[in-house]
Structures are given as structure tokens and as C-alpha cells.
Amino acid sequence: MGYCYWSYETLNKLCRDAFSKFGFDAEEAKIVTDVLLMSDLYGIESHGMQRMYRYYKSIQKGMIHVENKGRVVFETPVSAVIDGEDGMGQIIGHRAMEMAIAKAKTVGIGMVTVRNSNHYGIAGYYAKMACDAGLIGMSCTNTNPIMVPTYGRTAMLGTNPIAVAMPAEPYDFFFDAATTVVTRGKLEVYNKEGKALHEGWALDKDGHPSTDAADVLGNISAHQGGGIMPLGGSTEATGSHKGYGYAMLCEIFSSILSMGTTSDRTGLGGKGGICHGFVAIDPAIFGDAEGIRAHLSAYLQALRDAPKAEGQDRIYTHGEKEIAAMENMLKNGIPVNENTMVEVEEMCRYLDMDFSAYFGDYRPGDTGFKGNFY
């Protein structure tokens, strides 16, 4: 199956219209759409349009309650705990980071943790919110169990991504990564493409290495064992314990501090149970904010200017590739897997939306389509 290229404007309108149909107000629909399309623009296909089907099904099944916006259950001048009450992860997450930013601008630091939420998209979106406000931003989330702990054979932790962003010139520092070797979304993409997984990514139900995306995903969904390896693989010799430890740090800042559901218990009983963590820090609490920004900028430039490995002509700093990807996508279109387009068409039928109003004569599986298809 191939990919179709669609303009940002086309996908933006589709997403906003769809989430409005689901019952979100205009601002909420914009927030969810922004999170999804920022992922696609940054080249993170696993968390962009590819996620529409998951949200559609979760709303349809009553796992996501559109009307719930989250409730503050504990608060201090520097911290807060929000009960998401099974609301949409992006809406809850956006509200939580806004609270963290407001606290940081008032007292220098803000930390907000969330329980009883749902999948919130890419962690980097929320870190970038703080960065765009001139602050240091951090966000993390637990997820449904997919990481097999070092020397285990059953998924007990989520992909548990951590993102940090900080203002700099000419590119902000922007780091967003799962603590597993790859994300579940990456396995879903490979499964849609009918591709074998890379060696060192996943384990089957008995804890043996597997390259079968469908089998690994099926075992994860059925809680039959297996899953994705931590960063570093499956043994301490390759650093598996480090990825496992990073995932635990994320768990502490999301599910533990919020008294929420740990990764191994999420997704049970028709509830998401996902937990998030958010931090915003004003660099001014350490002195000269502009001086700190210049200091970081100078070091990032020193990294770019460092001697290159043989055959390499560039060292990237975190955030550069995302900017380049965004410029390319806005110019040449966003690629969407044809199997994802099948899911989008199904969602449009469910919502009584006219698929052709967005995609013209194109139909998934139409190999004779002469538009933006390759």
C-alpha cells in the first residue's frame, strides 16, 4: 500500500470538522487537530493522522467522554493535580500545561500532574507550549502497557515518552522520545505497510525476539505477553536497564504523583486511565534569562560545528530535523498511509461527513487515482 500527499489545509479542515462533529467546541477541536498535525508536520507519522481511528473508536465505545474537561482536585502555588474524568487527552493536557505555565510566570515554576485521562498525542506539543512562552517545558505520559521490563516477558510499562523544550537561537532545543526502542504507533505503521519489524524492537508472548508486527500487536492487545523492548534492548549489556529506568521516571511524574493508574492497569474496564506530567520553569529563577538562552544557543552551535564523523557533513541538534520536516510538509504535502485513509473514510461515514468534500475523486484502494498519490 502506498501513501497519498495532502495539503495541511485539507487535513486541518477535515480534523477540525470531525472533532466538532464528535461534540467538541471550536477551540477544543482546534487543540486536538493542532496536536495531531504537529506530529505529522514533524515527521512523526505514528501520532498524526494515523491516530484518528483510535480516537474515533474510543469516543464511539465511551472510553473518551467528550463532555469532560478535567477537574482540579489538589493545588498549591507551584503544583496541581487534575482528574481528567476520562476526557480527551489533548484537551486535558493543554489545560494542565496552561496551568503549569501560569504558575511558572507567577512563582518561577509550575508542576501539574494528571490522572484518569486518555492518549494525549505527542509529549513534545506540551513542552513546546512552555517553550513558546519563553519557559523551559517538560512533559511525560504513561500509556497502555507495551514495554517489557529488562529480563521480563510481559509488558508492564508504557512507551512512556518524555519531552523537553527550551528557547534557543536559531532553533529551540526540542527533544521528544519514547523510552521504548520504538512506539506502538510505529508498529501499527509497519503493520499497515506489511513490513517486518527490525530486529531488536519487539518480543513475542514467550519473551523471544519477534519481527511480526501483527502478532506483537495482537499479543499486546490481548494481554498475552510480549511487547516492545526498552531503549537499549533486552539485556543490561546493551543498556536495557536505562530505558526501563527512564520509563519509571516518567511513571513517577505521571501516575505515581497523581495517584493515578500505573501503565500495567490502564485500558481495563472500558477506561483509559492514562496519566500525564507537566513542568514549566522560568529560566529567570536561575538569574539572567536572556544570558541563559544565549549560553544554550552558543553550546548548540558548538555541537553543530564539532568535527564530523567520516562520511558525515552535519551534526544536528534536537529540534532541527523537525523544523526541516515541517517546511517540507507545508510545501509538498503531508503523506498519509492508504490504510489510514480507509480508516478516515469509515470515520466520515460514521459522522455523516462527505469524504469527497475533502479528498475529491480519491478513494482508498483506487490505484488509478492520478492526484496526490505515489
Foldseek 3Di string as FASTA:
>chain_A
DFWFFDAPVLQQVLQQVLVVLLPADNVVSNQLQVLQVLCLLLVNQLQHLLCPLVVLVLSVLVQADAPFQWDWDDDDLAETETERQSHEQSSNLQVQLVQQLVSCVVPFKHKYKYWQYADRTFQQVSQVVLQVVQWKKKKWKWFAFFEAAAPGWFGFTALIKMWIWHAAPPFTFIDIGGQFPHHLSVLVVCVLVVHFADWQFKAALVRHTGRDSVRSVVCSVVRSTMHTQGVQGRHVVSPSNVSVVSRVVSQCQWCVVNVWDGNHPAPPPSYRGMMMMMMIGNCCVVPDSVVVRHVVRVVQVCQQVDDDDPPDDTDDGHGPSSVVSNVCCNVPGRIDRLVSVVSSVVSCVVSVHDPCVSVPPDDRPPPVDPDRID
